[in-house]
Amino acid sequence: MNRKISPEMLQEVVRMSAEGLQLEQIILFGSNACRQPIQTSDLDLMIIVSGFSEPDHRREQKAYACVSAIEIPKDYWY
């Protein structure tokens, strides 16, 4: 079994992130971006935001809260 992320799942991640953050860009990288996920693969995202004046840890909390309901392993880079 692999953990390939469906286009619908990715659209949901983008939608939920856009609702809570001022997105400039989301970059998918890692095994799912290369279309080579394995059973232990997670979702690797780089989320680029603008206009966020709070401390880094607040931005991370807010970004994680946006997509925490999606039950897949994920890594974030800010």
C-alpha atoms as a PDB file:
ATOM      1  CA  MET A   1       0.000   0.000   0.000  1.00  0.00           C
ATOM      2  CA  ASN A   2       1.265   3.505  -0.765  1.00  0.00           C
ATOM      3  CA  ARG A   3       0.194   6.924   0.408  1.00  0.00           C
ATOM      4  CA  LYS A   4      -0.261   8.698  -2.878  1.00  0.00           C
ATOM      5  CA  ILE A   5      -2.022  11.988  -2.314  1.00  0.00           C
ATOM      6  CA  SER A   6      -5.027  12.388  -4.586  1.00  0.00           C
ATOM      7  CA  PRO A   7      -5.600  15.660  -6.475  1.00  0.00           C
ATOM      8  CA  GLU A   8      -8.757  16.125  -4.386  1.00  0.00           C
ATOM      9  CA  MET A   9      -6.788  15.750  -1.140  1.00  0.00           C
ATOM     10  CA  LEU A  10      -4.200  18.255  -2.326  1.00  0.00           C
ATOM     11  CA  GLN A  11      -6.935  20.725  -3.347  1.00  0.00           C
ATOM     12  CA  GLU A  12      -8.421  20.402   0.147  1.00  0.00           C
ATOM     13  CA  VAL A  13      -5.053  21.151   1.762  1.00  0.00           C
ATOM     14  CA  VAL A  14      -4.651  24.246  -0.431  1.00  0.00           C
ATOM     15  CA  ARG A  15      -8.230  25.387   0.255  1.00  0.00           C
ATOM     16  CA  MET A  16      -7.877  24.991   4.014  1.00  0.00           C
ATOM     17  CA  SER A  17      -4.514  26.764   4.033  1.00  0.00           C
ATOM     18  CA  ALA A  18      -5.866  29.630   1.926  1.00  0.00           C
ATOM     19  CA  GLU A  19      -8.715  30.145   4.394  1.00  0.00           C
ATOM     20  CA  GLY A  20      -6.386  30.700   7.324  1.00  0.00           C
ATOM     21  CA  LEU A  21      -3.249  32.218   5.798  1.00  0.00           C
ATOM     22  CA  GLN A  22      -2.298  34.876   3.263  1.00  0.00           C
ATOM     23  CA  LEU A  23      -0.810  32.458   0.775  1.00  0.00           C
ATOM     24  CA  GLU A  24       1.674  33.474  -1.860  1.00  0.00           C
ATOM     25  CA  GLN A  25       2.578  29.957  -2.894  1.00  0.00           C
ATOM     26  CA  ILE A  26       2.433  26.308  -1.812  1.00  0.00           C
ATOM     27  CA  ILE A  27       5.144  23.983  -3.074  1.00  0.00           C
ATOM     28  CA  LEU A  28       4.676  20.222  -2.994  1.00  0.00           C
ATOM     29  CA  PHE A  29       7.947  18.317  -2.774  1.00  0.00           C
ATOM     30  CA  GLY A  30       9.162  14.882  -1.772  1.00  0.00           C
ATOM     31  CA  SER A  31       7.939  11.476  -2.861  1.00  0.00           C
ATOM     32  CA  ASN A  32       4.364  12.577  -3.614  1.00  0.00           C
ATOM     33  CA  ALA A  33       5.631  15.381  -5.864  1.00  0.00           C
ATOM     34  CA  CYS A  34       7.759  12.821  -7.729  1.00  0.00           C
ATOM     35  CA  ARG A  35       4.787  10.444  -7.878  1.00  0.00           C
ATOM     36  CA  GLN A  36       6.789   7.807  -6.026  1.00  0.00           C
ATOM     37  CA  PRO A  37       5.209   7.546  -2.565  1.00  0.00           C
ATOM     38  CA  ILE A  38       5.814   4.529  -0.378  1.00  0.00           C
ATOM     39  CA  GLN A  39       3.881   3.292   2.650  1.00  0.00           C
ATOM     40  CA  THR A  40       5.751   5.596   5.038  1.00  0.00           C
ATOM     41  CA  SER A  41       5.498   8.702   2.820  1.00  0.00           C
ATOM     42  CA  ASP A  42       4.101  11.911   4.222  1.00  0.00           C
ATOM     43  CA  LEU A  43       2.899  15.121   2.588  1.00  0.00           C
ATOM     44  CA  ASP A  44       5.788  17.570   2.198  1.00  0.00           C
ATOM     45  CA  LEU A  45       4.716  21.183   1.722  1.00  0.00           C
ATOM     46  CA  MET A  46       6.507  24.500   1.660  1.00  0.00           C
ATOM     47  CA  ILE A  47       3.977  27.203   2.467  1.00  0.00           C
ATOM     48  CA  ILE A  48       4.967  30.765   1.537  1.00  0.00           C
ATOM     49  CA  VAL A  49       2.872  33.449   3.221  1.00  0.00           C
ATOM     50  CA  SER A  50       2.900  37.241   3.253  1.00  0.00           C
ATOM     51  CA  GLY A  51       1.749  39.867   5.674  1.00  0.00           C
ATOM     52  CA  PHE A  52       2.281  37.810   8.818  1.00  0.00           C
ATOM     53  CA  SER A  53       3.681  39.993  11.593  1.00  0.00           C
ATOM     54  CA  GLU A  54       3.297  37.582  14.529  1.00  0.00           C
ATOM     55  CA  PRO A  55       6.202  35.461  15.846  1.00  0.00           C
ATOM     56  CA  ASP A  56       7.270  32.391  13.848  1.00  0.00           C
ATOM     57  CA  HIS A  57       5.744  29.920  16.301  1.00  0.00           C
ATOM     58  CA  ARG A  58       2.326  31.600  15.916  1.00  0.00           C
ATOM     59  CA  ARG A  59       2.547  31.300  12.132  1.00  0.00           C
ATOM     60  CA  GLU A  60       3.425  27.609  12.479  1.00  0.00           C
ATOM     61  CA  GLN A  61       0.510  27.023  14.857  1.00  0.00           C
ATOM     62  CA  LYS A  62      -1.906  28.746  12.504  1.00  0.00           C
ATOM     63  CA  ALA A  63      -0.646  26.844   9.445  1.00  0.00           C
ATOM     64  CA  TYR A  64      -0.873  23.509  11.218  1.00  0.00           C
ATOM     65  CA  ALA A  65      -4.381  24.298  12.491  1.00  0.00           C
ATOM     66  CA  CYS A  66      -5.502  24.944   8.905  1.00  0.00           C
ATOM     67  CA  VAL A  67      -4.866  21.369   7.809  1.00  0.00           C
ATOM     68  CA  SER A  68      -4.765  19.369  11.033  1.00  0.00           C
ATOM     69  CA  ALA A  69      -8.162  17.816  10.274  1.00  0.00           C
ATOM     70  CA  ILE A  70      -6.737  16.085   7.203  1.00  0.00           C
ATOM     71  CA  GLU A  71      -5.561  12.745   8.510  1.00  0.00           C
ATOM     72  CA  ILE A  72      -2.322  12.221   6.617  1.00  0.00           C
ATOM     73  CA  PRO A  73       1.252  12.558   7.860  1.00  0.00           C
ATOM     74  CA  LYS A  74       2.634  15.954   6.832  1.00  0.00           C
ATOM     75  CA  ASP A  75       5.737  18.131   7.104  1.00  0.00           C
ATOM     76  CA  TYR A  76       5.696  21.913   6.794  1.00  0.00           C
ATOM     77  CA  TRP A  77       8.438  24.359   5.877  1.00  0.00           C
ATOM     78  CA  TYR A  78       7.874  28.085   6.408  1.00  0.00           C
END
